[in-house]
Amino acid sequence: MNMKSKSYSEQEVLALARKAYSEGLAKFEINAEQCALLVIDMQDEFVKPGWTPYWIPEATRQVDAIQTLIQFCRSKNIPVIYTAFGPTHHYLDRPKTGEAMPNRYSETGVDHFSWFKDPKIYPELAPRQEDVVILKPSYGAFYDTPLETILKNLNKDTVIICGTLTNCCCGLTARQAYERGFKVVFGSDVNSSDDPDLQEPELKSLRKAFARVLSQVQIIEALR
């Protein structure tokens, strides 16, 4: 049958979409020699329990799993690249509407600029001398940073993403990587959201259109 002549019902296209969201698996190989691990924003402001209103409890719970992934990648000579928010360029490199966003939690009366001044990766995940640390001005790790150049100079075409937030910085980094031609592997249980109800919806969107979504165990197995 000529597939171009086939018509599709509303129920059929909905079924196709739902299957891609829930079961989709990007069809590319994962070659450890072509990979770099991105550890997104696992800094004290987000991970240190109770320290700021921006604390992500699930990020704290995932520290051990992320540490295991980092250690495994190092054992395979996979570069580890960290990102963190920091005071770059006198804050002149930020999107102009950033301060208007509700995620600044202005209702708390706290000036968020009192944090994110000395970006420190959570101690259990501390970078080594050979690791790369990128200070970024906004959510996505590719926005106004040298990340793409660094990956190209490392001759890497695949990024493995872990960190926080799944539905903000990590998810946007996955989208930016996809649009730049990188293969994206996204850890389903090593990326965290501040609202657990938003974790799976974001994973569904990434799974359908941007990334190969795998658990930490599955990522390690694929890299073996």
N, C-alpha and C. Protein backbone atom coordinates (compact mmCIF):
# COMPACT_ATOMS: atom_id res chain seq x y z
N MET A 1 0.84 -1.19 0.00
CA MET A 1 0.00 0.00 0.00
C MET A 1 0.88 1.25 0.00
N ASN A 2 0.50 2.24 -0.75
CA ASN A 2 1.19 3.53 -0.75
C ASN A 2 0.86 4.27 0.53
N MET A 3 1.87 4.39 1.41
CA MET A 3 1.63 4.99 2.72
C MET A 3 1.19 6.45 2.60
N LYS A 4 1.60 7.13 1.52
CA LYS A 4 1.23 8.52 1.37
C LYS A 4 -0.28 8.69 1.17
N SER A 5 -0.92 7.63 0.70
CA SER A 5 -2.35 7.72 0.44
C SER A 5 -3.19 7.37 1.66
N LYS A 6 -2.53 6.89 2.70
CA LYS A 6 -3.27 6.50 3.90
C LYS A 6 -3.75 7.73 4.64
N SER A 7 -4.95 7.69 5.15
CA SER A 7 -5.46 8.76 6.00
C SER A 7 -5.40 8.29 7.45
N TYR A 8 -5.28 9.24 8.36
CA TYR A 8 -5.13 8.92 9.78
C TYR A 8 -6.26 9.55 10.57
N SER A 9 -6.85 8.77 11.43
CA SER A 9 -7.91 9.27 12.29
C SER A 9 -7.30 10.02 13.48
N GLU A 10 -8.11 10.78 14.15
CA GLU A 10 -7.64 11.48 15.35
C GLU A 10 -7.13 10.50 16.39
N GLN A 11 -7.82 9.38 16.53
CA GLN A 11 -7.42 8.38 17.52
C GLN A 11 -6.07 7.77 17.16
N GLU A 12 -5.81 7.57 15.88
CA GLU A 12 -4.55 6.98 15.46
C GLU A 12 -3.37 7.91 15.71
N VAL A 13 -3.52 9.19 15.38
CA VAL A 13 -2.40 10.11 15.59
C VAL A 13 -2.15 10.34 17.08
N LEU A 14 -3.24 10.32 17.88
CA LEU A 14 -3.08 10.44 19.32
C LEU A 14 -2.33 9.24 19.88
N ALA A 15 -2.67 8.06 19.38
CA ALA A 15 -2.00 6.85 19.84
C ALA A 15 -0.52 6.88 19.48
N LEU A 16 -0.19 7.36 18.28
CA LEU A 16 1.22 7.47 17.88
C LEU A 16 1.97 8.41 18.81
N ALA A 17 1.37 9.57 19.10
CA ALA A 17 2.02 10.55 19.96
C ALA A 17 2.22 9.99 21.37
N ARG A 18 1.18 9.38 21.91
CA ARG A 18 1.28 8.86 23.27
C ARG A 18 2.33 7.76 23.39
N LYS A 19 2.45 6.94 22.36
CA LYS A 19 3.46 5.88 22.38
C LYS A 19 4.86 6.47 22.36
N ALA A 20 5.05 7.51 21.54
CA ALA A 20 6.36 8.16 21.49
C ALA A 20 6.72 8.82 22.81
N TYR A 21 5.73 9.44 23.45
CA TYR A 21 5.97 10.07 24.75
C TYR A 21 6.35 9.06 25.82
N SER A 22 5.66 7.93 25.83
CA SER A 22 5.82 6.99 26.94
C SER A 22 6.84 5.89 26.67
N GLU A 23 7.02 5.52 25.38
CA GLU A 23 7.88 4.38 25.06
C GLU A 23 9.00 4.72 24.09
N GLY A 24 9.04 5.94 23.59
CA GLY A 24 10.00 6.27 22.55
C GLY A 24 11.45 6.07 22.99
N LEU A 25 12.28 5.61 22.07
CA LEU A 25 13.70 5.40 22.34
C LEU A 25 14.49 5.85 21.11
N ALA A 26 15.22 6.94 21.27
CA ALA A 26 15.96 7.50 20.14
C ALA A 26 16.89 6.44 19.55
N LYS A 27 16.93 6.37 18.24
CA LYS A 27 17.66 5.32 17.54
C LYS A 27 19.07 5.78 17.16
N PHE A 28 19.91 5.92 18.17
CA PHE A 28 21.32 6.17 17.90
C PHE A 28 22.16 5.37 18.88
N GLU A 29 23.36 5.04 18.45
CA GLU A 29 24.27 4.28 19.29
C GLU A 29 24.94 5.20 20.31
N ILE A 30 25.26 4.66 21.47
CA ILE A 30 25.99 5.39 22.50
C ILE A 30 27.40 4.83 22.55
N ASN A 31 28.35 5.63 22.08
CA ASN A 31 29.75 5.24 22.04
C ASN A 31 30.49 6.02 23.12
N ALA A 32 31.02 5.31 24.12
CA ALA A 32 31.67 5.98 25.25
C ALA A 32 32.77 6.94 24.79
N GLU A 33 33.47 6.61 23.72
CA GLU A 33 34.56 7.45 23.25
C GLU A 33 34.08 8.79 22.70
N GLN A 34 32.79 8.88 22.40
CA GLN A 34 32.23 10.10 21.83
C GLN A 34 31.42 10.91 22.85
N CYS A 35 31.44 10.48 24.11
CA CYS A 35 30.56 11.08 25.12
C CYS A 35 31.29 12.07 26.03
N ALA A 36 30.52 13.03 26.50
CA ALA A 36 30.92 13.89 27.62
C ALA A 36 29.76 13.92 28.60
N LEU A 37 30.08 13.96 29.88
CA LEU A 37 29.05 14.02 30.93
C LEU A 37 28.87 15.46 31.37
N LEU A 38 27.63 15.95 31.32
CA LEU A 38 27.30 17.28 31.81
C LEU A 38 26.62 17.16 33.16
N VAL A 39 27.19 17.80 34.17
CA VAL A 39 26.61 17.83 35.51
C VAL A 39 26.06 19.24 35.71
N ILE A 40 24.75 19.36 35.62
CA ILE A 40 24.12 20.68 35.56
C ILE A 40 23.74 21.19 36.95
N ASP A 41 24.40 22.26 37.37
CA ASP A 41 23.97 23.09 38.51
C ASP A 41 23.82 22.34 39.84
N MET A 42 24.64 21.34 40.06
CA MET A 42 24.60 20.64 41.35
C MET A 42 25.45 21.42 42.36
N GLN A 43 25.03 22.65 42.60
CA GLN A 43 25.75 23.56 43.47
C GLN A 43 25.01 23.72 44.79
N ASP A 44 25.71 24.28 45.78
CA ASP A 44 25.15 24.32 47.13
C ASP A 44 23.76 24.95 47.18
N GLU A 45 23.55 26.01 46.40
CA GLU A 45 22.26 26.71 46.47
C GLU A 45 21.08 25.80 46.17
N PHE A 46 21.30 24.78 45.33
CA PHE A 46 20.23 23.86 44.95
C PHE A 46 20.27 22.54 45.73
N VAL A 47 21.44 22.17 46.24
CA VAL A 47 21.61 20.81 46.77
C VAL A 47 21.78 20.78 48.29
N LYS A 48 22.36 21.81 48.88
CA LYS A 48 22.58 21.83 50.33
C LYS A 48 21.24 21.94 51.06
N PRO A 49 20.88 20.97 51.87
CA PRO A 49 19.54 20.93 52.45
C PRO A 49 19.18 22.19 53.24
N GLY A 50 18.05 22.79 52.87
CA GLY A 50 17.47 23.88 53.63
C GLY A 50 18.20 25.20 53.58
N TRP A 51 19.26 25.30 52.80
CA TRP A 51 20.12 26.49 52.85
C TRP A 51 19.48 27.70 52.17
N THR A 52 18.75 27.47 51.08
CA THR A 52 18.10 28.56 50.35
C THR A 52 16.68 28.13 49.97
N PRO A 53 15.84 29.08 49.57
CA PRO A 53 14.51 28.70 49.08
C PRO A 53 14.56 28.00 47.72
N TYR A 54 15.75 27.91 47.15
CA TYR A 54 15.92 27.26 45.85
C TYR A 54 16.39 25.81 46.00
N TRP A 55 16.41 25.33 47.24
CA TRP A 55 16.81 23.94 47.49
C TRP A 55 15.90 22.97 46.74
N ILE A 56 16.51 21.98 46.11
CA ILE A 56 15.79 20.92 45.41
C ILE A 56 16.00 19.61 46.18
N PRO A 57 15.07 19.21 47.05
CA PRO A 57 15.28 18.01 47.87
C PRO A 57 15.62 16.77 47.04
N GLU A 58 14.99 16.63 45.89
CA GLU A 58 15.27 15.44 45.08
C GLU A 58 16.71 15.46 44.56
N ALA A 59 17.26 16.65 44.31
CA ALA A 59 18.66 16.74 43.89
C ALA A 59 19.58 16.20 44.98
N THR A 60 19.26 16.53 46.22
CA THR A 60 20.05 16.01 47.35
C THR A 60 19.97 14.49 47.40
N ARG A 61 18.77 13.97 47.20
CA ARG A 61 18.60 12.51 47.25
C ARG A 61 19.33 11.82 46.10
N GLN A 62 19.58 12.52 45.01
CA GLN A 62 20.23 11.90 43.86
C GLN A 62 21.75 12.03 43.86
N VAL A 63 22.31 12.66 44.89
CA VAL A 63 23.76 12.89 44.91
C VAL A 63 24.54 11.58 44.76
N ASP A 64 24.17 10.55 45.50
CA ASP A 64 24.92 9.29 45.43
C ASP A 64 24.87 8.69 44.02
N ALA A 65 23.70 8.71 43.40
CA ALA A 65 23.57 8.15 42.06
C ALA A 65 24.39 8.96 41.04
N ILE A 66 24.38 10.28 41.19
CA ILE A 66 25.17 11.11 40.29
C ILE A 66 26.66 10.90 40.54
N GLN A 67 27.04 10.78 41.79
CA GLN A 67 28.45 10.53 42.11
C GLN A 67 28.92 9.22 41.48
N THR A 68 28.08 8.19 41.54
CA THR A 68 28.43 6.91 40.92
C THR A 68 28.60 7.07 39.40
N LEU A 69 27.71 7.84 38.78
CA LEU A 69 27.80 8.07 37.34
C LEU A 69 29.08 8.84 37.00
N ILE A 70 29.39 9.85 37.78
CA ILE A 70 30.62 10.62 37.54
C ILE A 70 31.85 9.70 37.65
N GLN A 71 31.89 8.91 38.70
CA GLN A 71 33.05 8.02 38.90
C GLN A 71 33.18 7.02 37.77
N PHE A 72 32.05 6.51 37.30
CA PHE A 72 32.12 5.55 36.20
C PHE A 72 32.63 6.23 34.94
N CYS A 73 32.13 7.43 34.66
CA CYS A 73 32.58 8.14 33.47
C CYS A 73 34.07 8.44 33.54
N ARG A 74 34.55 8.83 34.70
CA ARG A 74 36.00 9.06 34.84
C ARG A 74 36.79 7.79 34.57
N SER A 75 36.25 6.65 35.00
CA SER A 75 36.96 5.38 34.77
C SER A 75 37.02 5.03 33.29
N LYS A 76 36.12 5.61 32.51
CA LYS A 76 36.09 5.39 31.07
C LYS A 76 36.73 6.54 30.30
N ASN A 77 37.39 7.46 31.03
CA ASN A 77 38.01 8.64 30.41
C ASN A 77 37.00 9.51 29.66
N ILE A 78 35.77 9.52 30.15
CA ILE A 78 34.73 10.39 29.61
C ILE A 78 34.85 11.73 30.31
N PRO A 79 35.04 12.83 29.58
CA PRO A 79 35.19 14.14 30.23
C PRO A 79 33.95 14.50 31.04
N VAL A 80 34.20 15.13 32.18
CA VAL A 80 33.11 15.59 33.05
C VAL A 80 33.11 17.11 33.03
N ILE A 81 31.97 17.68 32.66
CA ILE A 81 31.83 19.13 32.55
C ILE A 81 30.72 19.58 33.50
N TYR A 82 31.06 20.46 34.41
CA TYR A 82 30.10 20.98 35.38
C TYR A 82 29.62 22.35 34.94
N THR A 83 28.37 22.67 35.30
CA THR A 83 27.90 24.03 35.15
C THR A 83 27.40 24.53 36.51
N ALA A 84 27.42 25.85 36.66
CA ALA A 84 26.89 26.48 37.88
C ALA A 84 26.54 27.91 37.55
N PHE A 85 25.57 28.44 38.27
CA PHE A 85 25.27 29.87 38.16
C PHE A 85 26.33 30.65 38.95
N GLY A 86 26.78 31.75 38.36
CA GLY A 86 27.75 32.58 39.04
C GLY A 86 27.65 34.02 38.56
N PRO A 87 28.36 34.93 39.23
CA PRO A 87 28.28 36.36 38.90
C PRO A 87 29.15 36.72 37.70
N THR A 88 28.70 36.37 36.52
CA THR A 88 29.47 36.64 35.31
C THR A 88 29.13 38.01 34.73
N HIS A 89 30.14 38.69 34.24
CA HIS A 89 29.98 39.94 33.48
C HIS A 89 29.08 40.96 34.16
N HIS A 90 29.24 41.08 35.48
CA HIS A 90 28.44 42.06 36.25
C HIS A 90 26.94 41.89 36.02
N TYR A 91 26.53 40.65 35.74
CA TYR A 91 25.12 40.30 35.52
C TYR A 91 24.53 40.96 34.27
N LEU A 92 25.38 41.44 33.38
CA LEU A 92 24.88 42.08 32.16
C LEU A 92 24.60 41.08 31.05
N ASP A 93 24.89 39.82 31.27
CA ASP A 93 24.68 38.80 30.24
C ASP A 93 23.41 37.99 30.47
N ARG A 94 22.52 38.49 31.34
CA ARG A 94 21.27 37.78 31.64
C ARG A 94 20.14 38.20 30.70
N PRO A 95 19.21 37.31 30.43
CA PRO A 95 18.00 37.74 29.75
C PRO A 95 17.32 38.86 30.54
N LYS A 96 16.84 39.88 29.85
CA LYS A 96 16.33 41.08 30.52
C LYS A 96 15.13 40.82 31.43
N THR A 97 14.31 39.86 31.08
CA THR A 97 13.10 39.63 31.87
C THR A 97 13.31 38.66 33.03
N GLY A 98 14.54 38.24 33.23
CA GLY A 98 14.80 37.25 34.28
C GLY A 98 14.29 37.65 35.64
N GLU A 99 14.51 38.91 36.00
CA GLU A 99 14.10 39.35 37.33
C GLU A 99 12.59 39.40 37.50
N ALA A 100 11.86 39.32 36.41
CA ALA A 100 10.39 39.36 36.49
C ALA A 100 9.78 37.98 36.68
N MET A 101 10.61 36.93 36.62
CA MET A 101 10.08 35.58 36.67
C MET A 101 9.73 35.16 38.10
N PRO A 102 8.63 34.41 38.27
CA PRO A 102 8.21 33.98 39.61
C PRO A 102 9.22 33.10 40.34
N ASN A 103 10.15 32.47 39.59
CA ASN A 103 11.09 31.58 40.26
C ASN A 103 12.15 32.31 41.09
N ARG A 104 12.08 33.65 41.12
CA ARG A 104 12.95 34.41 42.02
C ARG A 104 12.37 34.47 43.43
N TYR A 105 11.13 34.05 43.59
CA TYR A 105 10.46 33.98 44.89
C TYR A 105 10.53 35.31 45.64
N SER A 106 10.12 36.37 44.96
CA SER A 106 10.16 37.70 45.58
C SER A 106 9.28 37.79 46.82
N GLU A 107 8.26 36.91 46.90
CA GLU A 107 7.36 36.97 48.05
C GLU A 107 8.04 36.59 49.36
N THR A 108 9.22 35.96 49.28
CA THR A 108 9.94 35.59 50.50
C THR A 108 10.67 36.79 51.10
N GLY A 109 10.80 37.86 50.32
CA GLY A 109 11.54 39.02 50.80
C GLY A 109 13.05 38.83 50.78
N VAL A 110 13.49 37.74 50.15
CA VAL A 110 14.91 37.43 50.11
C VAL A 110 15.49 37.88 48.77
N ASP A 111 16.64 38.52 48.82
CA ASP A 111 17.34 38.92 47.61
C ASP A 111 18.15 37.73 47.10
N HIS A 112 17.74 37.16 45.95
CA HIS A 112 18.44 35.96 45.48
C HIS A 112 19.88 36.25 45.10
N PHE A 113 20.22 37.52 44.90
CA PHE A 113 21.61 37.87 44.61
C PHE A 113 22.51 37.65 45.82
N SER A 114 21.91 37.44 47.00
CA SER A 114 22.72 37.14 48.17
C SER A 114 23.32 35.74 48.09
N TRP A 115 22.78 34.91 47.19
CA TRP A 115 23.36 33.61 46.88
C TRP A 115 23.92 33.65 45.46
N PHE A 116 24.42 32.53 45.00
CA PHE A 116 24.97 32.40 43.64
C PHE A 116 26.13 33.37 43.40
N LYS A 117 26.79 33.82 44.47
CA LYS A 117 27.94 34.71 44.34
C LYS A 117 29.26 33.95 44.30
N ASP A 118 29.29 32.85 45.01
CA ASP A 118 30.51 32.02 45.07
C ASP A 118 30.11 30.59 44.72
N PRO A 119 29.91 30.33 43.43
CA PRO A 119 29.32 29.04 43.02
C PRO A 119 30.22 27.86 43.39
N LYS A 120 29.71 27.04 44.29
CA LYS A 120 30.44 25.86 44.73
C LYS A 120 29.62 24.61 44.44
N ILE A 121 30.24 23.67 43.75
CA ILE A 121 29.59 22.38 43.51
C ILE A 121 29.50 21.64 44.84
N TYR A 122 28.38 20.98 45.07
CA TYR A 122 28.16 20.25 46.31
C TYR A 122 29.37 19.35 46.60
N PRO A 123 29.89 19.36 47.83
CA PRO A 123 31.18 18.73 48.12
C PRO A 123 31.33 17.28 47.65
N GLU A 124 30.28 16.49 47.78
CA GLU A 124 30.39 15.08 47.40
C GLU A 124 30.57 14.90 45.89
N LEU A 125 30.29 15.94 45.14
CA LEU A 125 30.41 15.88 43.68
C LEU A 125 31.52 16.79 43.17
N ALA A 126 32.39 17.22 44.04
CA ALA A 126 33.37 18.25 43.72
C ALA A 126 34.18 17.92 42.47
N PRO A 127 34.37 18.91 41.60
CA PRO A 127 35.17 18.70 40.39
C PRO A 127 36.63 18.40 40.74
N ARG A 128 37.27 17.69 39.83
CA ARG A 128 38.71 17.48 39.93
C ARG A 128 39.41 18.51 39.03
N GLN A 129 40.72 18.55 39.15
CA GLN A 129 41.49 19.54 38.41
C GLN A 129 41.29 19.39 36.91
N GLU A 130 41.14 18.15 36.45
CA GLU A 130 41.02 17.92 35.01
C GLU A 130 39.60 18.19 34.47
N ASP A 131 38.64 18.39 35.35
CA ASP A 131 37.27 18.63 34.92
C ASP A 131 37.11 20.09 34.47
N VAL A 132 36.10 20.32 33.66
CA VAL A 132 35.77 21.66 33.20
C VAL A 132 34.59 22.18 34.01
N VAL A 133 34.68 23.42 34.46
CA VAL A 133 33.57 24.07 35.17
C VAL A 133 33.19 25.32 34.40
N ILE A 134 31.92 25.40 33.99
CA ILE A 134 31.41 26.53 33.23
C ILE A 134 30.43 27.31 34.08
N LEU A 135 30.66 28.60 34.23
CA LEU A 135 29.68 29.47 34.87
C LEU A 135 28.73 29.98 33.81
N LYS A 136 27.45 29.77 34.04
CA LYS A 136 26.47 30.14 33.02
C LYS A 136 25.55 31.25 33.53
N PRO A 137 25.06 32.10 32.62
CA PRO A 137 24.23 33.22 33.03
C PRO A 137 22.73 32.94 33.03
N SER A 138 22.33 31.83 32.42
CA SER A 138 20.90 31.55 32.32
C SER A 138 20.68 30.05 32.41
N TYR A 139 19.53 29.60 31.97
CA TYR A 139 19.14 28.21 32.21
C TYR A 139 19.93 27.21 31.38
N GLY A 140 19.87 27.32 30.08
CA GLY A 140 20.53 26.36 29.21
C GLY A 140 22.04 26.49 29.25
N ALA A 141 22.74 25.37 29.26
CA ALA A 141 24.20 25.40 29.40
C ALA A 141 24.92 25.88 28.15
N PHE A 142 24.21 25.98 27.03
CA PHE A 142 24.83 26.46 25.79
C PHE A 142 24.65 27.97 25.60
N TYR A 143 23.78 28.59 26.38
CA TYR A 143 23.47 30.00 26.19
C TYR A 143 24.63 30.87 26.67
N ASP A 144 25.29 31.57 25.74
CA ASP A 144 26.39 32.48 26.06
C ASP A 144 27.49 31.83 26.90
N THR A 145 27.81 30.57 26.58
CA THR A 145 28.92 29.89 27.23
C THR A 145 29.79 29.23 26.15
N PRO A 146 30.98 28.77 26.51
CA PRO A 146 31.85 28.10 25.52
C PRO A 146 31.59 26.61 25.41
N LEU A 147 30.46 26.11 25.91
CA LEU A 147 30.25 24.67 25.97
C LEU A 147 30.35 24.01 24.60
N GLU A 148 29.70 24.58 23.58
CA GLU A 148 29.74 23.95 22.26
C GLU A 148 31.17 23.88 21.74
N THR A 149 31.93 24.94 21.89
CA THR A 149 33.33 24.94 21.45
C THR A 149 34.14 23.89 22.20
N ILE A 150 33.92 23.79 23.50
CA ILE A 150 34.64 22.80 24.31
C ILE A 150 34.34 21.39 23.83
N LEU A 151 33.07 21.09 23.60
CA LEU A 151 32.70 19.74 23.12
C LEU A 151 33.32 19.44 21.77
N LYS A 152 33.33 20.42 20.88
CA LYS A 152 33.92 20.21 19.56
C LYS A 152 35.42 20.00 19.66
N ASN A 153 36.07 20.76 20.54
CA ASN A 153 37.51 20.60 20.71
C ASN A 153 37.86 19.25 21.34
N LEU A 154 36.93 18.71 22.11
CA LEU A 154 37.11 17.37 22.68
C LEU A 154 36.71 16.27 21.71
N ASN A 155 36.17 16.66 20.55
CA ASN A 155 35.70 15.70 19.53
C ASN A 155 34.61 14.79 20.08
N LYS A 156 33.68 15.41 20.81
CA LYS A 156 32.55 14.66 21.38
C LYS A 156 31.27 15.03 20.64
N ASP A 157 30.48 14.01 20.31
CA ASP A 157 29.22 14.27 19.62
C ASP A 157 28.00 13.85 20.44
N THR A 158 28.24 13.39 21.68
CA THR A 158 27.16 12.91 22.55
C THR A 158 27.31 13.51 23.94
N VAL A 159 26.21 14.03 24.48
CA VAL A 159 26.23 14.53 25.85
C VAL A 159 25.29 13.70 26.71
N ILE A 160 25.77 13.37 27.89
CA ILE A 160 24.97 12.70 28.91
C ILE A 160 24.64 13.75 29.95
N ILE A 161 23.36 13.92 30.25
CA ILE A 161 22.95 15.02 31.11
C ILE A 161 22.41 14.50 32.44
N CYS A 162 22.96 15.06 33.53
CA CYS A 162 22.43 14.82 34.86
C CYS A 162 22.45 16.15 35.62
N GLY A 163 21.66 16.25 36.69
CA GLY A 163 21.66 17.47 37.48
C GLY A 163 20.28 17.96 37.81
N THR A 164 20.13 19.27 37.87
CA THR A 164 18.86 19.90 38.26
C THR A 164 18.74 21.26 37.58
N LEU A 165 17.56 21.67 37.20
CA LEU A 165 16.24 21.08 37.29
C LEU A 165 15.90 20.34 36.00
N THR A 166 15.23 19.20 36.13
CA THR A 166 14.80 18.45 34.96
C THR A 166 14.03 19.32 33.98
N ASN A 167 13.05 20.05 34.51
CA ASN A 167 12.11 20.80 33.66
C ASN A 167 12.53 22.25 33.47
N CYS A 168 13.79 22.55 33.71
CA CYS A 168 14.28 23.90 33.44
C CYS A 168 15.68 23.79 32.82
N CYS A 169 16.72 23.92 33.63
CA CYS A 169 18.08 23.99 33.09
C CYS A 169 18.50 22.71 32.36
N CYS A 170 18.18 21.56 32.92
CA CYS A 170 18.60 20.29 32.30
C CYS A 170 17.84 20.02 31.01
N GLY A 171 16.51 20.20 31.08
CA GLY A 171 15.71 19.98 29.89
C GLY A 171 16.04 20.95 28.78
N LEU A 172 16.27 22.22 29.14
CA LEU A 172 16.62 23.20 28.12
C LEU A 172 17.99 22.90 27.53
N THR A 173 18.94 22.47 28.35
CA THR A 173 20.26 22.09 27.85
C THR A 173 20.14 20.93 26.86
N ALA A 174 19.27 19.98 27.16
CA ALA A 174 19.05 18.86 26.23
C ALA A 174 18.52 19.37 24.90
N ARG A 175 17.59 20.29 24.94
CA ARG A 175 17.03 20.84 23.70
C ARG A 175 18.09 21.62 22.91
N GLN A 176 18.88 22.41 23.62
CA GLN A 176 19.92 23.17 22.95
C GLN A 176 20.96 22.25 22.33
N ALA A 177 21.32 21.18 23.02
CA ALA A 177 22.28 20.22 22.48
C ALA A 177 21.73 19.56 21.23
N TYR A 178 20.47 19.13 21.30
CA TYR A 178 19.82 18.51 20.14
C TYR A 178 19.86 19.44 18.93
N GLU A 179 19.53 20.71 19.14
CA GLU A 179 19.47 21.65 18.02
C GLU A 179 20.86 21.97 17.46
N ARG A 180 21.90 21.66 18.21
CA ARG A 180 23.26 21.87 17.74
C ARG A 180 23.87 20.61 17.15
N GLY A 181 23.06 19.58 17.01
CA GLY A 181 23.52 18.37 16.34
C GLY A 181 24.14 17.33 17.24
N PHE A 182 24.05 17.50 18.55
CA PHE A 182 24.60 16.51 19.47
C PHE A 182 23.56 15.42 19.76
N LYS A 183 24.04 14.22 19.96
CA LYS A 183 23.19 13.16 20.51
C LYS A 183 23.04 13.43 22.00
N VAL A 184 21.84 13.23 22.51
CA VAL A 184 21.57 13.57 23.91
C VAL A 184 21.08 12.33 24.66
N VAL A 185 21.75 12.02 25.74
CA VAL A 185 21.33 10.96 26.66
C VAL A 185 20.93 11.66 27.96
N PHE A 186 19.71 11.44 28.39
CA PHE A 186 19.16 12.16 29.55
C PHE A 186 18.81 11.16 30.64
N GLY A 187 19.38 11.37 31.82
CA GLY A 187 19.16 10.44 32.93
C GLY A 187 17.82 10.64 33.60
N SER A 188 16.98 9.63 33.58
CA SER A 188 15.64 9.76 34.14
C SER A 188 15.65 9.86 35.66
N ASP A 189 16.66 9.28 36.31
CA ASP A 189 16.70 9.27 37.77
C ASP A 189 17.95 9.96 38.31
N VAL A 190 18.63 10.72 37.47
CA VAL A 190 19.76 11.55 37.92
C VAL A 190 19.57 12.99 37.47
N ASN A 191 18.33 13.33 37.16
CA ASN A 191 17.90 14.71 36.96
C ASN A 191 16.69 14.92 37.85
N SER A 192 16.60 16.07 38.49
CA SER A 192 15.55 16.27 39.49
C SER A 192 14.77 17.55 39.24
N SER A 193 13.53 17.53 39.69
CA SER A 193 12.65 18.69 39.61
C SER A 193 12.30 19.17 41.01
N ASP A 194 11.97 20.46 41.13
CA ASP A 194 11.51 20.98 42.41
C ASP A 194 10.08 20.55 42.71
N ASP A 195 9.36 20.10 41.70
CA ASP A 195 8.01 19.57 41.87
C ASP A 195 7.97 18.19 41.24
N PRO A 196 7.91 17.13 42.02
CA PRO A 196 7.94 15.77 41.47
C PRO A 196 6.86 15.53 40.42
N ASP A 197 5.74 16.25 40.51
CA ASP A 197 4.67 16.05 39.53
C ASP A 197 5.08 16.48 38.12
N LEU A 198 6.13 17.29 38.02
CA LEU A 198 6.56 17.79 36.71
C LEU A 198 7.69 16.96 36.10
N GLN A 199 8.19 15.99 36.85
CA GLN A 199 9.31 15.18 36.35
C GLN A 199 8.93 14.37 35.11
N GLU A 200 7.92 13.57 35.22
CA GLU A 200 7.56 12.68 34.11
C GLU A 200 7.05 13.43 32.89
N PRO A 201 6.25 14.50 33.03
CA PRO A 201 5.86 15.25 31.83
C PRO A 201 7.06 15.78 31.04
N GLU A 202 8.08 16.25 31.74
CA GLU A 202 9.27 16.73 31.04
C GLU A 202 10.02 15.58 30.38
N LEU A 203 10.14 14.47 31.09
CA LEU A 203 10.80 13.30 30.50
C LEU A 203 10.07 12.84 29.25
N LYS A 204 8.74 12.92 29.27
CA LYS A 204 7.96 12.51 28.09
C LYS A 204 8.29 13.39 26.89
N SER A 205 8.36 14.70 27.10
CA SER A 205 8.68 15.60 25.99
C SER A 205 10.08 15.33 25.45
N LEU A 206 11.03 15.15 26.35
CA LEU A 206 12.40 14.86 25.92
C LEU A 206 12.47 13.53 25.19
N ARG A 207 11.77 12.54 25.72
CA ARG A 207 11.79 11.20 25.14
C ARG A 207 11.26 11.21 23.71
N LYS A 208 10.23 11.98 23.47
CA LYS A 208 9.60 11.98 22.16
C LYS A 208 10.45 12.68 21.11
N ALA A 209 11.11 13.78 21.48
CA ALA A 209 11.64 14.66 20.44
C ALA A 209 13.10 15.08 20.57
N PHE A 210 13.75 14.85 21.72
CA PHE A 210 15.06 15.46 21.91
C PHE A 210 16.17 14.54 22.41
N ALA A 211 15.83 13.45 23.08
CA ALA A 211 16.88 12.71 23.79
C ALA A 211 16.54 11.24 23.92
N ARG A 212 17.57 10.47 24.21
CA ARG A 212 17.37 9.09 24.62
C ARG A 212 17.32 9.09 26.14
N VAL A 213 16.19 8.79 26.71
CA VAL A 213 15.97 8.87 28.15
C VAL A 213 16.22 7.49 28.76
N LEU A 214 17.21 7.44 29.66
CA LEU A 214 17.60 6.18 30.28
C LEU A 214 17.82 6.39 31.77
N SER A 215 17.71 5.32 32.53
CA SER A 215 18.05 5.38 33.96
C SER A 215 19.56 5.40 34.12
N GLN A 216 20.01 5.73 35.33
CA GLN A 216 21.45 5.74 35.59
C GLN A 216 22.06 4.37 35.31
N VAL A 217 21.39 3.31 35.74
CA VAL A 217 21.89 1.95 35.51
C VAL A 217 21.98 1.66 34.01
N GLN A 218 20.97 2.07 33.26
CA GLN A 218 20.98 1.85 31.82
C GLN A 218 22.09 2.64 31.12
N ILE A 219 22.35 3.85 31.60
CA ILE A 219 23.43 4.65 31.01
C ILE A 219 24.77 3.97 31.22
N ILE A 220 25.02 3.53 32.45
CA ILE A 220 26.29 2.86 32.75
C ILE A 220 26.44 1.60 31.93
N GLU A 221 25.36 0.84 31.80
CA GLU A 221 25.41 -0.38 31.00
C GLU A 221 25.70 -0.07 29.54
N ALA A 222 25.09 0.99 29.01
CA ALA A 222 25.34 1.36 27.62
C ALA A 222 26.78 1.78 27.40
N LEU A 223 27.40 2.38 28.41
CA LEU A 223 28.78 2.85 28.28
C LEU A 223 29.81 1.74 28.46
N ARG A 224 29.39 0.59 28.98
CA ARG A 224 30.33 -0.50 29.19
C ARG A 224 30.83 -1.06 27.87
